[in-house]
Amino acid sequence: MPSEKLYRELRSLDRKIHLLLSENKRLKDELTQSQSENRILQSRAESQKANLDSVQNQMKMSKMVDNMIVGEEDSAKLKRQIDGYIKELDKCIAHLAE
């Protein structure tokens, strides 16, 4: 009798161990997936921040050009030149982000 009881307990423990191992594997997989998603979201956030900074810089430059007291022709020329600089800076930022 005692050995039969011991055998049942052993089987019960074995089943519980398998359940725990299965749950552990599921949780590890979930953690890996969450970490991967976190990296993707962080990358997107950095990209969005860079885009926001670029747009804010463009707006500042545009306001500066609009507020300058120069002839309309000179203003348009200066604005094109500054826009060219901004585009070049955006390319550099994008290149550095890679």
C-alpha atoms as a PDB file:
ATOM      1  CA  MET A   1       0.000   0.000   0.000  1.00  0.00           C
ATOM      2  CA  PRO A   2       2.562   2.655   0.879  1.00  0.00           C
ATOM      3  CA  SER A   3       4.397   2.160  -2.410  1.00  0.00           C
ATOM      4  CA  GLU A   4       1.165   2.613  -4.364  1.00  0.00           C
ATOM      5  CA  LYS A   5       0.494   5.899  -2.576  1.00  0.00           C
ATOM      6  CA  LEU A   6       4.060   6.964  -3.217  1.00  0.00           C
ATOM      7  CA  TYR A   7       3.678   6.092  -6.887  1.00  0.00           C
ATOM      8  CA  ARG A   8       0.493   8.220  -7.174  1.00  0.00           C
ATOM      9  CA  GLU A   9       2.225  11.147  -5.510  1.00  0.00           C
ATOM     10  CA  LEU A  10       5.187  10.750  -7.814  1.00  0.00           C
ATOM     11  CA  ARG A  11       2.891  10.797 -10.866  1.00  0.00           C
ATOM     12  CA  SER A  12       1.119  13.863  -9.516  1.00  0.00           C
ATOM     13  CA  LEU A  13       4.431  15.655  -8.994  1.00  0.00           C
ATOM     14  CA  ASP A  14       5.586  14.660 -12.458  1.00  0.00           C
ATOM     15  CA  ARG A  15       2.376  16.069 -13.991  1.00  0.00           C
ATOM     16  CA  LYS A  16       2.786  19.308 -12.041  1.00  0.00           C
ATOM     17  CA  ILE A  17       6.395  19.631 -13.163  1.00  0.00           C
ATOM     18  CA  HIS A  18       5.358  19.216 -16.801  1.00  0.00           C
ATOM     19  CA  LEU A  19       2.650  21.852 -16.360  1.00  0.00           C
ATOM     20  CA  LEU A  20       5.145  24.253 -14.779  1.00  0.00           C
ATOM     21  CA  LEU A  21       7.679  23.671 -17.539  1.00  0.00           C
ATOM     22  CA  SER A  22       5.007  24.279 -20.150  1.00  0.00           C
ATOM     23  CA  GLU A  23       3.911  27.495 -18.446  1.00  0.00           C
ATOM     24  CA  ASN A  24       7.545  28.598 -18.133  1.00  0.00           C
ATOM     25  CA  LYS A  25       8.106  28.090 -21.871  1.00  0.00           C
ATOM     26  CA  ARG A  26       4.931  30.027 -22.710  1.00  0.00           C
ATOM     27  CA  LEU A  27       6.000  32.922 -20.502  1.00  0.00           C
ATOM     28  CA  LYS A  28       9.499  32.980 -21.999  1.00  0.00           C
ATOM     29  CA  ASP A  29       8.013  33.090 -25.505  1.00  0.00           C
ATOM     30  CA  GLU A  30       5.686  35.909 -24.459  1.00  0.00           C
ATOM     31  CA  LEU A  31       8.605  37.837 -22.961  1.00  0.00           C
ATOM     32  CA  THR A  32      10.666  37.436 -26.129  1.00  0.00           C
ATOM     33  CA  GLN A  33       7.762  38.679 -28.234  1.00  0.00           C
ATOM     34  CA  SER A  34       7.191  41.649 -25.921  1.00  0.00           C
ATOM     35  CA  GLN A  35      10.875  42.578 -26.004  1.00  0.00           C
ATOM     36  CA  SER A  36      10.869  42.450 -29.792  1.00  0.00           C
ATOM     37  CA  GLU A  37       7.760  44.623 -29.967  1.00  0.00           C
ATOM     38  CA  ASN A  38       9.342  47.042 -27.495  1.00  0.00           C
ATOM     39  CA  ARG A  39      12.443  47.420 -29.688  1.00  0.00           C
ATOM     40  CA  ILE A  40      10.262  48.095 -32.739  1.00  0.00           C
ATOM     41  CA  LEU A  41       8.204  50.705 -30.896  1.00  0.00           C
ATOM     42  CA  GLN A  42      11.324  52.424 -29.543  1.00  0.00           C
ATOM     43  CA  SER A  43      12.724  52.605 -33.056  1.00  0.00           C
ATOM     44  CA  ARG A  44       9.474  54.112 -34.334  1.00  0.00           C
ATOM     45  CA  ALA A  45       9.443  56.638 -31.499  1.00  0.00           C
ATOM     46  CA  GLU A  46      12.998  57.730 -32.321  1.00  0.00           C
ATOM     47  CA  SER A  47      12.085  58.082 -35.979  1.00  0.00           C
ATOM     48  CA  GLN A  48       8.989  60.118 -35.146  1.00  0.00           C
ATOM     49  CA  LYS A  49      11.039  62.350 -32.853  1.00  0.00           C
ATOM     50  CA  ALA A  50      13.547  62.967 -35.634  1.00  0.00           C
ATOM     51  CA  ASN A  51      10.714  63.815 -38.024  1.00  0.00           C
ATOM     52  CA  LEU A  52       9.151  66.159 -35.482  1.00  0.00           C
ATOM     53  CA  ASP A  53      12.477  67.900 -34.890  1.00  0.00           C
ATOM     54  CA  SER A  54      12.909  68.314 -38.629  1.00  0.00           C
ATOM     55  CA  VAL A  55       9.455  69.814 -39.075  1.00  0.00           C
ATOM     56  CA  GLN A  56       9.986  72.144 -36.116  1.00  0.00           C
ATOM     57  CA  ASN A  57      13.291  73.314 -37.602  1.00  0.00           C
ATOM     58  CA  GLN A  58      11.623  73.909 -40.947  1.00  0.00           C
ATOM     59  CA  MET A  59       8.912  75.956 -39.256  1.00  0.00           C
ATOM     60  CA  LYS A  60      11.498  78.032 -37.368  1.00  0.00           C
ATOM     61  CA  MET A  61      13.460  78.689 -40.541  1.00  0.00           C
ATOM     62  CA  SER A  62      10.313  79.574 -42.432  1.00  0.00           C
ATOM     63  CA  LYS A  63       9.285  82.041 -39.724  1.00  0.00           C
ATOM     64  CA  MET A  64      12.762  83.575 -39.782  1.00  0.00           C
ATOM     65  CA  VAL A  65      12.589  84.040 -43.533  1.00  0.00           C
ATOM     66  CA  ASP A  66       9.091  85.510 -43.345  1.00  0.00           C
ATOM     67  CA  ASN A  67      10.189  87.973 -40.648  1.00  0.00           C
ATOM     68  CA  MET A  68      13.273  89.188 -42.501  1.00  0.00           C
ATOM     69  CA  ILE A  69      13.045  92.625 -44.052  1.00  0.00           C
ATOM     70  CA  VAL A  70      14.245  92.041 -47.589  1.00  0.00           C
ATOM     71  CA  GLY A  71      12.811  92.339 -51.026  1.00  0.00           C
ATOM     72  CA  GLU A  72      10.316  89.717 -52.115  1.00  0.00           C
ATOM     73  CA  GLU A  73      12.725  88.288 -54.700  1.00  0.00           C
ATOM     74  CA  ASP A  74      15.537  88.063 -52.150  1.00  0.00           C
ATOM     75  CA  SER A  75      13.157  86.499 -49.653  1.00  0.00           C
ATOM     76  CA  ALA A  76      12.135  83.763 -52.093  1.00  0.00           C
ATOM     77  CA  LYS A  77      15.775  83.096 -52.969  1.00  0.00           C
ATOM     78  CA  LEU A  78      16.758  82.925 -49.298  1.00  0.00           C
ATOM     79  CA  LYS A  79      13.812  80.663 -48.528  1.00  0.00           C
ATOM     80  CA  ARG A  80      14.803  78.252 -51.322  1.00  0.00           C
ATOM     81  CA  GLN A  81      18.382  78.229 -50.076  1.00  0.00           C
ATOM     82  CA  ILE A  82      17.318  77.518 -46.495  1.00  0.00           C
ATOM     83  CA  ASP A  83      14.906  74.804 -47.678  1.00  0.00           C
ATOM     84  CA  GLY A  84      17.822  73.228 -49.528  1.00  0.00           C
ATOM     85  CA  TYR A  85      19.895  73.275 -46.345  1.00  0.00           C
ATOM     86  CA  ILE A  86      17.047  71.720 -44.386  1.00  0.00           C
ATOM     87  CA  LYS A  87      16.604  68.954 -46.942  1.00  0.00           C
ATOM     88  CA  GLU A  88      20.323  68.245 -46.810  1.00  0.00           C
ATOM     89  CA  LEU A  89      20.220  68.134 -43.001  1.00  0.00           C
ATOM     90  CA  ASP A  90      17.236  65.759 -43.141  1.00  0.00           C
ATOM     91  CA  LYS A  91      19.210  63.463 -45.431  1.00  0.00           C
ATOM     92  CA  CYS A  92      22.133  63.508 -43.001  1.00  0.00           C
ATOM     93  CA  ILE A  93      19.845  62.756 -40.041  1.00  0.00           C
ATOM     94  CA  ALA A  94      18.217  59.876 -41.922  1.00  0.00           C
ATOM     95  CA  HIS A  95      21.639  58.525 -42.865  1.00  0.00           C
ATOM     96  CA  LEU A  96      22.819  58.718 -39.246  1.00  0.00           C
ATOM     97  CA  ALA A  97      19.634  57.006 -38.034  1.00  0.00           C
ATOM     98  CA  GLU A  98      20.419  53.974 -40.187  1.00  0.00           C
END
